[in-house]
Amino acid sequence: MVKTVGIDKRLQILIISGILMLLLPVLVNADEPDWKILNALLKENVSSGKRNGVELNLLDYRRLQRDARFDTVIDQVQKFPLARLQAEKERLAFYINAYNVFAIKMVLDHWPLESIKDAGSLFNPVWKKPIGFIDGKRVSLHEIEHEILRKMAEPRIHMAIVCASVSCPDLRNEAYTAVKLDQQLDEQSAQFLNNAKKGLRLEGDEILVSKIFDWFEKDFEKMGGVKSFISRYRKDIPIELSVDADLPYDWSLNIKH
């Protein structure tokens, strides 16, 4: 009789352990927000096109402005408890999504406009204007980019955060997630550096690249510098050529007309 009870207890422990093992992946994945609504909005409103002679992903701001689900996404970003983000990649993905969502919000809050810069002024630039809350703290685009994301020492963020402009890296049609982050950032980097109008192009004996590589040159030192970063994604480029971050930067809105 005693043996039977012992076996039953061991069986119960095994069953509970098995259930926990099955639930573990769910618990791990649950640390990030469920970006289902954001994914749906991006897939419905982001499409490839051309503006001012540049091929890029365009966003249908007018349609998005009429969609109440975007307010739900804003609430999701603002109310998500950051303490749940345990892993570095989870935090990176969250803040990249937060920046992109708040950049869109900045445009919609000041609609209509031709450039996100129109939402600010010389003495009150758009980047430093409060745009929302994260974990109870009021934030600006400048704070998310410079005080949070850049301090996480991942230079590929500059290929993912989108300032709602033609010459920015393309807005992706899906949210960033920890499990896919490396793949997503690599794809963004390769796509940007293969866009001759805003990412990189050969001109004579020079490699002309986006001004992003000038503004944030120090960030790319972690990957061996700008040249090393370029060669990682453009193996066809003769890297002995000089690099000049002088491609024109078009601040026109990345809007789908």
C-alpha atoms as a PDB file:
ATOM      1  CA  MET A   1       0.000   0.000   0.000  1.00  0.00           C
ATOM      2  CA  VAL A   2       2.853   2.339   0.872  1.00  0.00           C
ATOM      3  CA  LYS A   3       4.595   1.525  -2.386  1.00  0.00           C
ATOM      4  CA  THR A   4       1.446   2.357  -4.340  1.00  0.00           C
ATOM      5  CA  VAL A   5       1.199   5.751  -2.709  1.00  0.00           C
ATOM      6  CA  GLY A   6       4.902   6.384  -3.447  1.00  0.00           C
ATOM      7  CA  ILE A   7       4.421   5.444  -7.100  1.00  0.00           C
ATOM      8  CA  ASP A   8       1.362   7.683  -7.358  1.00  0.00           C
ATOM      9  CA  LYS A   9       3.292  10.605  -5.962  1.00  0.00           C
ATOM     10  CA  ARG A  10       6.173  10.041  -8.340  1.00  0.00           C
ATOM     11  CA  LEU A  11       3.725   9.789 -11.209  1.00  0.00           C
ATOM     12  CA  GLN A  12       2.121  13.077 -10.162  1.00  0.00           C
ATOM     13  CA  ILE A  13       5.526  14.746 -10.045  1.00  0.00           C
ATOM     14  CA  LEU A  14       6.388  13.413 -13.488  1.00  0.00           C
ATOM     15  CA  ILE A  15       3.078  14.614 -14.910  1.00  0.00           C
ATOM     16  CA  ILE A  16       3.493  18.102 -13.393  1.00  0.00           C
ATOM     17  CA  SER A  17       7.078  18.278 -14.627  1.00  0.00           C
ATOM     18  CA  GLY A  18       5.961  17.294 -18.111  1.00  0.00           C
ATOM     19  CA  ILE A  19       3.267  19.983 -18.137  1.00  0.00           C
ATOM     20  CA  LEU A  20       5.776  22.613 -17.012  1.00  0.00           C
ATOM     21  CA  MET A  21       8.191  21.558 -19.753  1.00  0.00           C
ATOM     22  CA  LEU A  22       5.426  21.919 -22.318  1.00  0.00           C
ATOM     23  CA  LEU A  23       4.488  25.346 -20.989  1.00  0.00           C
ATOM     24  CA  LEU A  24       8.049  26.626 -20.716  1.00  0.00           C
ATOM     25  CA  PRO A  25       8.327  27.880 -24.342  1.00  0.00           C
ATOM     26  CA  VAL A  26       4.986  29.667 -23.918  1.00  0.00           C
ATOM     27  CA  LEU A  27       6.146  31.295 -20.695  1.00  0.00           C
ATOM     28  CA  VAL A  28       9.404  32.395 -22.286  1.00  0.00           C
ATOM     29  CA  ASN A  29       7.699  33.835 -25.355  1.00  0.00           C
ATOM     30  CA  ALA A  30       5.115  35.574 -23.183  1.00  0.00           C
ATOM     31  CA  ASP A  31       7.758  38.033 -21.920  1.00  0.00           C
ATOM     32  CA  GLU A  32       7.289  40.159 -25.050  1.00  0.00           C
ATOM     33  CA  PRO A  33       4.098  41.968 -26.012  1.00  0.00           C
ATOM     34  CA  ASP A  34       1.791  40.163 -28.377  1.00  0.00           C
ATOM     35  CA  TRP A  35       2.318  42.252 -31.506  1.00  0.00           C
ATOM     36  CA  LYS A  36      -0.578  40.636 -33.380  1.00  0.00           C
ATOM     37  CA  ILE A  37      -2.445  43.917 -33.967  1.00  0.00           C
ATOM     38  CA  LEU A  38       0.703  45.809 -34.956  1.00  0.00           C
ATOM     39  CA  ASN A  39       1.608  43.033 -37.389  1.00  0.00           C
ATOM     40  CA  ALA A  40      -1.851  43.234 -38.959  1.00  0.00           C
ATOM     41  CA  LEU A  41      -1.668  47.025 -39.332  1.00  0.00           C
ATOM     42  CA  LEU A  42       1.800  46.918 -40.883  1.00  0.00           C
ATOM     43  CA  LYS A  43       0.856  44.182 -43.339  1.00  0.00           C
ATOM     44  CA  GLU A  44      -2.282  46.084 -44.373  1.00  0.00           C
ATOM     45  CA  ASN A  45      -0.715  49.528 -44.673  1.00  0.00           C
ATOM     46  CA  VAL A  46       2.929  49.057 -45.731  1.00  0.00           C
ATOM     47  CA  SER A  47       3.644  48.439 -49.405  1.00  0.00           C
ATOM     48  CA  SER A  48       6.547  48.867 -51.787  1.00  0.00           C
ATOM     49  CA  GLY A  49       6.531  51.887 -54.061  1.00  0.00           C
ATOM     50  CA  LYS A  50       8.508  54.898 -55.187  1.00  0.00           C
ATOM     51  CA  ARG A  51       8.687  58.486 -54.011  1.00  0.00           C
ATOM     52  CA  ASN A  52      10.952  61.215 -55.369  1.00  0.00           C
ATOM     53  CA  GLY A  53      12.684  58.593 -57.481  1.00  0.00           C
ATOM     54  CA  VAL A  54      13.509  56.386 -54.488  1.00  0.00           C
ATOM     55  CA  GLU A  55      12.199  52.851 -54.144  1.00  0.00           C
ATOM     56  CA  LEU A  56      11.052  52.148 -50.609  1.00  0.00           C
ATOM     57  CA  ASN A  57       8.290  50.817 -48.406  1.00  0.00           C
ATOM     58  CA  LEU A  58       5.486  53.368 -48.158  1.00  0.00           C
ATOM     59  CA  LEU A  59       2.938  53.738 -45.370  1.00  0.00           C
ATOM     60  CA  ASP A  60      -0.744  54.562 -45.873  1.00  0.00           C
ATOM     61  CA  TYR A  61      -1.019  57.210 -43.141  1.00  0.00           C
ATOM     62  CA  ARG A  62      -4.499  58.327 -44.183  1.00  0.00           C
ATOM     63  CA  ARG A  63      -5.918  54.827 -43.822  1.00  0.00           C
ATOM     64  CA  LEU A  64      -4.048  54.241 -40.580  1.00  0.00           C
ATOM     65  CA  GLN A  65      -5.394  57.485 -39.140  1.00  0.00           C
ATOM     66  CA  ARG A  66      -8.929  56.124 -39.488  1.00  0.00           C
ATOM     67  CA  ASP A  67      -8.103  52.770 -37.898  1.00  0.00           C
ATOM     68  CA  ALA A  68      -8.921  52.579 -34.188  1.00  0.00           C
ATOM     69  CA  ARG A  69      -6.572  49.608 -33.816  1.00  0.00           C
ATOM     70  CA  PHE A  70      -3.606  51.967 -33.970  1.00  0.00           C
ATOM     71  CA  ASP A  71      -4.733  53.525 -30.678  1.00  0.00           C
ATOM     72  CA  THR A  72      -4.757  50.015 -29.238  1.00  0.00           C
ATOM     73  CA  VAL A  73      -1.140  49.555 -30.287  1.00  0.00           C
ATOM     74  CA  ILE A  74      -0.197  52.901 -28.689  1.00  0.00           C
ATOM     75  CA  ASP A  75      -1.826  51.755 -25.439  1.00  0.00           C
ATOM     76  CA  GLN A  76      -0.011  48.454 -25.672  1.00  0.00           C
ATOM     77  CA  VAL A  77       3.366  50.173 -25.938  1.00  0.00           C
ATOM     78  CA  GLN A  78       2.606  52.660 -23.180  1.00  0.00           C
ATOM     79  CA  LYS A  79       1.186  50.189 -20.669  1.00  0.00           C
ATOM     80  CA  PHE A  80       3.535  47.243 -21.151  1.00  0.00           C
ATOM     81  CA  PRO A  81       5.498  46.523 -17.927  1.00  0.00           C
ATOM     82  CA  LEU A  82       9.186  46.665 -18.830  1.00  0.00           C
ATOM     83  CA  ALA A  83      10.067  44.372 -15.926  1.00  0.00           C
ATOM     84  CA  ARG A  84       8.768  41.498 -18.059  1.00  0.00           C
ATOM     85  CA  LEU A  85      11.532  42.059 -20.618  1.00  0.00           C
ATOM     86  CA  GLN A  86      14.314  39.908 -19.201  1.00  0.00           C
ATOM     87  CA  ALA A  87      16.532  39.339 -22.243  1.00  0.00           C
ATOM     88  CA  GLU A  88      18.531  41.970 -24.129  1.00  0.00           C
ATOM     89  CA  LYS A  89      16.951  41.037 -27.457  1.00  0.00           C
ATOM     90  CA  GLU A  90      13.494  41.414 -25.956  1.00  0.00           C
ATOM     91  CA  ARG A  91      14.337  44.948 -24.867  1.00  0.00           C
ATOM     92  CA  LEU A  92      15.907  45.793 -28.232  1.00  0.00           C
ATOM     93  CA  ALA A  93      12.887  44.539 -30.166  1.00  0.00           C
ATOM     94  CA  PHE A  94      10.476  46.357 -27.855  1.00  0.00           C
ATOM     95  CA  TYR A  95      12.221  49.723 -28.139  1.00  0.00           C
ATOM     96  CA  ILE A  96      12.651  49.450 -31.921  1.00  0.00           C
ATOM     97  CA  ASN A  97       8.918  48.830 -32.229  1.00  0.00           C
ATOM     98  CA  ALA A  98       8.200  51.628 -29.753  1.00  0.00           C
ATOM     99  CA  TYR A  99      10.293  54.109 -31.750  1.00  0.00           C
ATOM    100  CA  ASN A 100       8.605  53.201 -35.033  1.00  0.00           C
ATOM    101  CA  VAL A 101       5.114  53.319 -33.538  1.00  0.00           C
ATOM    102  CA  PHE A 102       5.739  56.674 -31.865  1.00  0.00           C
ATOM    103  CA  ALA A 103       7.247  58.132 -35.058  1.00  0.00           C
ATOM    104  CA  ILE A 104       4.031  57.215 -36.866  1.00  0.00           C
ATOM    105  CA  LYS A 105       2.021  58.692 -33.985  1.00  0.00           C
ATOM    106  CA  MET A 106       4.008  61.939 -34.262  1.00  0.00           C
ATOM    107  CA  VAL A 107       3.009  62.232 -37.912  1.00  0.00           C
ATOM    108  CA  LEU A 108      -0.648  61.428 -37.265  1.00  0.00           C
ATOM    109  CA  ASP A 109      -0.828  63.798 -34.276  1.00  0.00           C
ATOM    110  CA  HIS A 110       0.256  66.677 -36.559  1.00  0.00           C
ATOM    111  CA  TRP A 111      -1.538  65.591 -39.726  1.00  0.00           C
ATOM    112  CA  PRO A 112      -1.358  66.756 -42.450  1.00  0.00           C
ATOM    113  CA  LEU A 113       2.334  67.431 -43.065  1.00  0.00           C
ATOM    114  CA  GLU A 114       4.973  66.848 -45.723  1.00  0.00           C
ATOM    115  CA  SER A 115       7.792  65.814 -43.383  1.00  0.00           C
ATOM    116  CA  ILE A 116       7.974  64.617 -39.800  1.00  0.00           C
ATOM    117  CA  LYS A 117      10.234  67.618 -39.183  1.00  0.00           C
ATOM    118  CA  ASP A 118       7.193  69.846 -39.754  1.00  0.00           C
ATOM    119  CA  ALA A 119       5.855  68.588 -36.416  1.00  0.00           C
ATOM    120  CA  GLY A 120       8.651  70.521 -34.697  1.00  0.00           C
ATOM    121  CA  SER A 121      10.541  73.771 -35.115  1.00  0.00           C
ATOM    122  CA  LEU A 122      14.059  75.158 -34.956  1.00  0.00           C
ATOM    123  CA  PHE A 123      13.743  75.821 -31.231  1.00  0.00           C
ATOM    124  CA  ASN A 124      11.583  72.774 -30.474  1.00  0.00           C
ATOM    125  CA  PRO A 125      12.758  69.973 -32.791  1.00  0.00           C
ATOM    126  CA  VAL A 126      10.389  67.111 -33.355  1.00  0.00           C
ATOM    127  CA  TRP A 127      12.857  64.581 -31.957  1.00  0.00           C
ATOM    128  CA  LYS A 128      12.781  66.147 -28.485  1.00  0.00           C
ATOM    129  CA  LYS A 129       9.030  66.668 -28.250  1.00  0.00           C
ATOM    130  CA  PRO A 130       7.263  64.327 -25.785  1.00  0.00           C
ATOM    131  CA  ILE A 131       5.342  61.739 -27.767  1.00  0.00           C
ATOM    132  CA  GLY A 132       4.091  59.215 -25.232  1.00  0.00           C
ATOM    133  CA  PHE A 133       4.860  57.148 -22.168  1.00  0.00           C
ATOM    134  CA  ILE A 134       6.887  53.999 -21.612  1.00  0.00           C
ATOM    135  CA  ASP A 135       6.590  52.285 -18.249  1.00  0.00           C
ATOM    136  CA  GLY A 136       5.064  55.418 -16.764  1.00  0.00           C
ATOM    137  CA  LYS A 137       7.790  57.779 -17.998  1.00  0.00           C
ATOM    138  CA  ARG A 138       7.169  60.430 -20.647  1.00  0.00           C
ATOM    139  CA  VAL A 139       9.537  59.928 -23.594  1.00  0.00           C
ATOM    140  CA  SER A 140      10.583  61.535 -26.859  1.00  0.00           C
ATOM    141  CA  LEU A 141      11.961  59.957 -30.016  1.00  0.00           C
ATOM    142  CA  HIS A 142      15.355  61.403 -29.084  1.00  0.00           C
ATOM    143  CA  GLU A 143      15.306  59.632 -25.709  1.00  0.00           C
ATOM    144  CA  ILE A 144      14.338  56.274 -27.190  1.00  0.00           C
ATOM    145  CA  GLU A 145      17.047  56.460 -29.836  1.00  0.00           C
ATOM    146  CA  HIS A 146      19.935  58.122 -28.013  1.00  0.00           C
ATOM    147  CA  GLU A 147      19.371  57.392 -24.342  1.00  0.00           C
ATOM    148  CA  ILE A 148      18.111  53.829 -24.665  1.00  0.00           C
ATOM    149  CA  LEU A 149      18.713  52.084 -27.982  1.00  0.00           C
ATOM    150  CA  ARG A 150      22.177  53.454 -28.786  1.00  0.00           C
ATOM    151  CA  LYS A 151      23.368  52.603 -25.289  1.00  0.00           C
ATOM    152  CA  MET A 152      22.518  48.961 -25.980  1.00  0.00           C
ATOM    153  CA  ALA A 153      25.461  48.881 -28.421  1.00  0.00           C
ATOM    154  CA  GLU A 154      23.711  47.251 -31.380  1.00  0.00           C
ATOM    155  CA  PRO A 155      24.584  49.348 -34.473  1.00  0.00           C
ATOM    156  CA  ARG A 156      22.039  47.535 -36.632  1.00  0.00           C
ATOM    157  CA  ILE A 157      19.279  49.479 -34.865  1.00  0.00           C
ATOM    158  CA  HIS A 158      20.053  52.265 -37.337  1.00  0.00           C
ATOM    159  CA  MET A 159      18.798  49.976 -40.090  1.00  0.00           C
ATOM    160  CA  ALA A 160      15.532  49.353 -38.239  1.00  0.00           C
ATOM    161  CA  ILE A 161      14.292  52.548 -36.576  1.00  0.00           C
ATOM    162  CA  VAL A 162      12.347  54.600 -39.087  1.00  0.00           C
ATOM    163  CA  CYS A 163      11.900  58.367 -38.814  1.00  0.00           C
ATOM    164  CA  ALA A 164       8.956  58.369 -41.240  1.00  0.00           C
ATOM    165  CA  SER A 165      11.128  59.670 -44.087  1.00  0.00           C
ATOM    166  CA  VAL A 166      12.068  58.597 -47.610  1.00  0.00           C
ATOM    167  CA  SER A 167      15.789  58.266 -46.868  1.00  0.00           C
ATOM    168  CA  CYS A 168      15.326  56.307 -43.651  1.00  0.00           C
ATOM    169  CA  PRO A 169      15.698  52.544 -43.777  1.00  0.00           C
ATOM    170  CA  ASP A 170      12.432  50.978 -44.891  1.00  0.00           C
ATOM    171  CA  LEU A 171       9.575  50.434 -42.477  1.00  0.00           C
ATOM    172  CA  ARG A 172       9.214  46.690 -42.117  1.00  0.00           C
ATOM    173  CA  ASN A 173       5.800  45.107 -42.617  1.00  0.00           C
ATOM    174  CA  GLU A 174       6.072  43.182 -39.358  1.00  0.00           C
ATOM    175  CA  ALA A 175       7.007  43.894 -35.766  1.00  0.00           C
ATOM    176  CA  TYR A 176      10.438  43.055 -34.415  1.00  0.00           C
ATOM    177  CA  THR A 177      10.658  40.124 -31.987  1.00  0.00           C
ATOM    178  CA  ALA A 178      13.486  38.689 -29.922  1.00  0.00           C
ATOM    179  CA  VAL A 179      13.415  35.287 -31.584  1.00  0.00           C
ATOM    180  CA  LYS A 180      13.742  36.760 -35.092  1.00  0.00           C
ATOM    181  CA  LEU A 181      15.716  39.891 -34.259  1.00  0.00           C
ATOM    182  CA  ASP A 182      19.111  38.926 -35.703  1.00  0.00           C
ATOM    183  CA  GLN A 183      17.522  37.775 -38.953  1.00  0.00           C
ATOM    184  CA  GLN A 184      15.365  40.903 -39.166  1.00  0.00           C
ATOM    185  CA  LEU A 185      18.263  43.278 -38.520  1.00  0.00           C
ATOM    186  CA  ASP A 186      20.463  41.499 -41.057  1.00  0.00           C
ATOM    187  CA  GLU A 187      17.707  41.660 -43.664  1.00  0.00           C
ATOM    188  CA  GLN A 188      17.163  45.363 -42.962  1.00  0.00           C
ATOM    189  CA  SER A 189      20.907  46.064 -43.257  1.00  0.00           C
ATOM    190  CA  ALA A 190      21.244  44.174 -46.536  1.00  0.00           C
ATOM    191  CA  GLN A 191      18.141  45.806 -48.001  1.00  0.00           C
ATOM    192  CA  PHE A 192      19.282  49.310 -47.069  1.00  0.00           C
ATOM    193  CA  LEU A 193      22.804  48.825 -48.419  1.00  0.00           C
ATOM    194  CA  ASN A 194      21.401  47.478 -51.676  1.00  0.00           C
ATOM    195  CA  ASN A 195      19.313  50.596 -52.256  1.00  0.00           C
ATOM    196  CA  ALA A 196      21.467  52.819 -54.486  1.00  0.00           C
ATOM    197  CA  LYS A 197      19.270  55.875 -53.951  1.00  0.00           C
ATOM    198  CA  LYS A 198      19.523  56.078 -50.186  1.00  0.00           C
ATOM    199  CA  GLY A 199      21.748  53.335 -48.779  1.00  0.00           C
ATOM    200  CA  LEU A 200      24.874  52.815 -50.885  1.00  0.00           C
ATOM    201  CA  ARG A 201      26.054  53.341 -54.426  1.00  0.00           C
ATOM    202  CA  LEU A 202      29.366  53.270 -56.260  1.00  0.00           C
ATOM    203  CA  GLU A 203      30.312  56.526 -57.926  1.00  0.00           C
ATOM    204  CA  GLY A 204      33.710  56.647 -59.598  1.00  0.00           C
ATOM    205  CA  ASP A 205      36.328  55.642 -57.067  1.00  0.00           C
ATOM    206  CA  GLU A 206      34.088  56.340 -54.078  1.00  0.00           C
ATOM    207  CA  ILE A 207      31.511  54.413 -52.099  1.00  0.00           C
ATOM    208  CA  LEU A 208      28.722  56.863 -51.369  1.00  0.00           C
ATOM    209  CA  VAL A 209      26.598  55.901 -48.374  1.00  0.00           C
ATOM    210  CA  SER A 210      23.782  57.337 -46.309  1.00  0.00           C
ATOM    211  CA  LYS A 211      24.491  60.184 -43.908  1.00  0.00           C
ATOM    212  CA  ILE A 212      23.392  57.748 -41.193  1.00  0.00           C
ATOM    213  CA  PHE A 213      26.923  56.327 -41.344  1.00  0.00           C
ATOM    214  CA  ASP A 214      28.315  59.782 -40.605  1.00  0.00           C
ATOM    215  CA  TRP A 215      25.866  60.740 -37.864  1.00  0.00           C
ATOM    216  CA  PHE A 216      26.390  57.442 -36.037  1.00  0.00           C
ATOM    217  CA  GLU A 217      29.882  56.481 -37.189  1.00  0.00           C
ATOM    218  CA  LYS A 218      31.059  55.636 -33.672  1.00  0.00           C
ATOM    219  CA  ASP A 219      28.246  53.136 -33.194  1.00  0.00           C
ATOM    220  CA  PHE A 220      29.598  50.989 -36.041  1.00  0.00           C
ATOM    221  CA  GLU A 221      33.014  50.634 -34.415  1.00  0.00           C
ATOM    222  CA  LYS A 222      31.663  47.616 -32.554  1.00  0.00           C
ATOM    223  CA  MET A 223      31.442  45.850 -35.926  1.00  0.00           C
ATOM    224  CA  GLY A 224      34.888  47.005 -37.054  1.00  0.00           C
ATOM    225  CA  GLY A 225      33.800  50.353 -38.432  1.00  0.00           C
ATOM    226  CA  VAL A 226      31.628  51.488 -41.331  1.00  0.00           C
ATOM    227  CA  LYS A 227      33.715  49.746 -44.001  1.00  0.00           C
ATOM    228  CA  SER A 228      33.591  46.451 -42.154  1.00  0.00           C
ATOM    229  CA  PHE A 229      29.849  46.796 -41.685  1.00  0.00           C
ATOM    230  CA  ILE A 230      29.376  47.472 -45.403  1.00  0.00           C
ATOM    231  CA  SER A 231      31.508  44.503 -46.438  1.00  0.00           C
ATOM    232  CA  ARG A 232      29.431  42.215 -44.263  1.00  0.00           C
ATOM    233  CA  TYR A 233      26.363  42.880 -46.421  1.00  0.00           C
ATOM    234  CA  ARG A 234      27.897  43.954 -49.753  1.00  0.00           C
ATOM    235  CA  LYS A 235      30.679  41.491 -50.539  1.00  0.00           C
ATOM    236  CA  ASP A 236      30.683  42.775 -54.130  1.00  0.00           C
ATOM    237  CA  ILE A 237      31.953  46.218 -53.093  1.00  0.00           C
ATOM    238  CA  PRO A 238      35.716  46.904 -53.518  1.00  0.00           C
ATOM    239  CA  ILE A 239      36.283  47.890 -49.929  1.00  0.00           C
ATOM    240  CA  GLU A 240      39.646  49.527 -50.662  1.00  0.00           C
ATOM    241  CA  LEU A 241      37.730  52.477 -52.103  1.00  0.00           C
ATOM    242  CA  SER A 242      37.094  55.485 -49.899  1.00  0.00           C
ATOM    243  CA  VAL A 243      33.721  55.800 -48.195  1.00  0.00           C
ATOM    244  CA  ASP A 244      31.876  59.112 -48.251  1.00  0.00           C
ATOM    245  CA  ALA A 245      28.634  59.448 -46.282  1.00  0.00           C
ATOM    246  CA  ASP A 246      27.225  62.027 -48.645  1.00  0.00           C
ATOM    247  CA  LEU A 247      24.113  60.622 -50.288  1.00  0.00           C
ATOM    248  CA  PRO A 248      21.338  63.265 -50.264  1.00  0.00           C
ATOM    249  CA  TYR A 249      18.948  62.745 -47.351  1.00  0.00           C
ATOM    250  CA  ASP A 250      15.302  63.179 -48.273  1.00  0.00           C
ATOM    251  CA  TRP A 251      13.141  64.040 -45.265  1.00  0.00           C
ATOM    252  CA  SER A 252       9.899  63.830 -47.263  1.00  0.00           C
ATOM    253  CA  LEU A 253       7.257  61.668 -45.641  1.00  0.00           C
ATOM    254  CA  ASN A 254       7.326  57.984 -46.585  1.00  0.00           C
ATOM    255  CA  ILE A 255       3.669  58.225 -47.497  1.00  0.00           C
ATOM    256  CA  LYS A 256       1.653  56.087 -49.854  1.00  0.00           C
ATOM    257  CA  HIS A 257      -0.359  58.379 -52.138  1.00  0.00           C
END
